[in-house]
């Protein structure tokens, strides 16, 4: 048997995942040819083919180096190794959800309504701890004799609404029925750069696909030092000193997996797009090496 001083391995994967199975907790399921999916709009299945587990690119690289040794007291200067693992993956997708506590814009009572989106999805992606800028549709002002009465509080259209929002909503209006503008005043809009997201006009569906945006990628560097002891021909020991997330870089969870708010523009617009936790906590699985802060672990293994 030949022991090499250095061993290294790299693995790169490119994957594209499409939804093709039933999700029982969502009520509306349709079948089309050989695949099955949950649809917001029965006659537009192309909006709903994206899955929440579509990590397109993932790289894992490992290297183990056996340090040169020499005979000495109690094997002090032999049996040492260092190991490094680097994991880099692209972001998971996420999209708009509608909780059952939200108002029903489409009138279907299915709570699958999505918004209308115009622009580049990248402008709403990878926000980390920030959120997508939100503009409420109305603001509260003191009432006057000509509005809701002196001493009362009135809700009036927000004068700070971006022109991109008002024009996009007006384009959805019908003659004599401002269904787009009324929806805008009710739920507000999101704008970042030149990209706009407005609620669906009353009685309609939005144009967004499932999982329109991308969350935050994962970049982890783990490092360990290993010391091996050979006690007898049959017995040995291995001591390990391991550091997970060596650089202690903050890893941000996907907005879709960190509880309510991150992907709910209806009832929590101020948190839309933000990551409220690290990946390990948001997945209810706090464990070292999965996106937590720097963690140190010491272990020993006996072999016989």
Foldseek 3Di string as FASTA:
>chain_A
DDDDQKDKDKDKAFDAAWAFDDDVVQPAKDDDPRGIWHDPDPVCCVLETHDQAGFGMKMKMKMKGADDADDDPQRPGHQKMKMKIKIWTFFTFAAAFFDLVFDDQQPPSSRRFHWAKDDDQALLEAQEAAHFDWDAQWDWDADDPPGDHHPDIDTDGDPPQDPVQVVVLCVLADVVGSQSSVQCNQQNWTDGDPMIIGGDGGNDGYDHGGRSHTYFIDIKMKMKMKGKGDDDPFKIKMKMKIKIRVVQDQAFAGLRQQDPQQRYSRPNVRNDSYGPHFHCVSNVHDDGNRRDGIDIDIDMDMGD
